[in-house]
Structure formats: structure tokens, C-alpha cells
């Protein structure tokens, strides 16, 4: 109860109430996440159920167009699946991959950044050189290379079965240096402060000082970067799917939907690419807007009210 009262009177909530862009972005993001989670319940059709899919319904336009069908509000894709249902399921996969990849990035990056910043010296130099080497390769380059090697080594069918965990692993391993460098910078600023010196004086172990005292004070930039990284992870998945190295067409994500409809866009079936593209842009946009607001709130020097 005391925590709730403290939250109600906090600067964080006060700032949120005064920022209309943050409120709208949060409502839109929460709505999209709930829609993705509840996709099996609210989706008119199940795009994974091949028995309910009729190829004769392929490339059917949205219901308000001349040849549209009321059963398919946003039309159908090239396999005859209802586009609205496929988008909801695809959004769920994109959210799962984005959040899973960021969780993996955070675990690796926070651990390495904490060790590097606190130890200093040769350990710091060695770990940061590894991060520099990783950053010299673009995320897409790393992801394309690993995806292509896996498909060649184990086959496309095996890749389709393990596409979700593999994409989480690929994107997570490609982006951890962002967390490592951010945490390291925060640790360098915290480790010489008085509370850390006091912890050393009373005999606390370096491990306890790092994880129980310094880590909580480095979480503000981590929270900010996490919002940005979720958006980046979703975009990376979409880019890989668009290139044919992400989710297979049998397990639709927003990226694979855009890819599958791209070659038909000039033949008149524009809705297959347009609607998933709009949903992807809106999802990434509201995450980035919330990330910008969170950065300003957690850094009062940047916040202009």
C-alpha cells in the first residue's frame, strides 16, 4: 500500500500524466500487445490450421472493395489465410522474438559490462575489444550469416521448426555490446562513489558490491536502451524475414507477411504488404516514442516538462 502511494506521488507518474504522446503511445502499445497475446481467442481464423484454409480464397481484397468477402475484413494473403488473423498471430511472434532477443542481450551485456567496468585494467580492455569487434559487424550481417549457415547445415525444414528460438539467439548475440558498453559506462561512474567505498570498508565481497549495490544504480539507462532494443529486434526480425532468412511463410510474422506479398504488390494485391507494414511501423513507432519519454524522465537534465 505504501509503495502504491509512493508511486501515485512520484515524479515518474506525474510526468507520464502530463505527456499526451506518452499516454497515447502506451495505450496503443498495450492494445497491440494484448491483441497479440489474445490472438488465438479473438482472431476470426487460425492461420496455422491448414484444414480451415482454402487456396481458392487467395488474394481476396478487403471486405469494403468490390470483390471483397465479409468474412475477411482485410482480405487474404497468397495462401488464402485471412490477413487480419494472420497479422495478429504474426504480431505475437514478432513480440515474442523481440522480447526474447532483448532479454538475452540484457543478460549477456549486463554481465560483461558489469565485470568490465568494475574490474578495469586488462580485463576491461579485453572485454571491450571483443565488444568492438562485435560492433564492427552489423546485426543483419551476423544474422544473415548464421541463418544461412544453419539452413545449409541442417536443412530448411529443420530451420522452420527452430525458427523462433534461433532468431532470438541470433539477434540476441548480435546486439549485446549495446548493453555492455552502456552498463560499463554507468559502473565506471558508480564504483568510486561513497556508498561503494563504504561497502568495501565494512568487508563486503566484490561480487556482492557489484550485483547488490552498483547494479540497481545502473538500471535507468538499461531500461531506456531496452525499449529501443525491442524495436530494433522486431525490425531485425522483419528484415530477416523479408530477406527470406527469418520466419517461414508457414509461421507468419509481420516481416514474412510483408515479404510474401511484396512480389504481388504491383499485380494489384497491395493489401498483403500494406497492412502488415502499417502495423509494424505503428508498433515500432510507439515503442520508440515511449523510449524517448522514458529517457527524458529518467534523466531530469534532459526533461523539459
Foldseek 3Di string as FASTA:
>chain_A
DVVVVCVVPDLVVVLCVVDPLLVVLVVVLVVLQVLLVCLVPPPLDDLLPPVPADQVQALAAAQVDDRHDPSQRHGHHNRRDRLVSLASPQSNLLLLLLVLLLVLLQVVQLVQLLCLQQVDDPSVVVSVVVLVVLVVDALLRQLVVVLVVCCVVPNPVVCQVCQRVSLSVSNNVSPNSVSSVQSSVQSNVPCPDDVNVVCVVVPDDPVCCSPVPSVVVSCLVVVLVSLLSSLVSSVSLLVCLLVVRHHDPSRHHLSVQLNSCVVCCVVPSVSSNPPSVVVSVSNSVSSNSNSVSSNCSSPVVNPPD
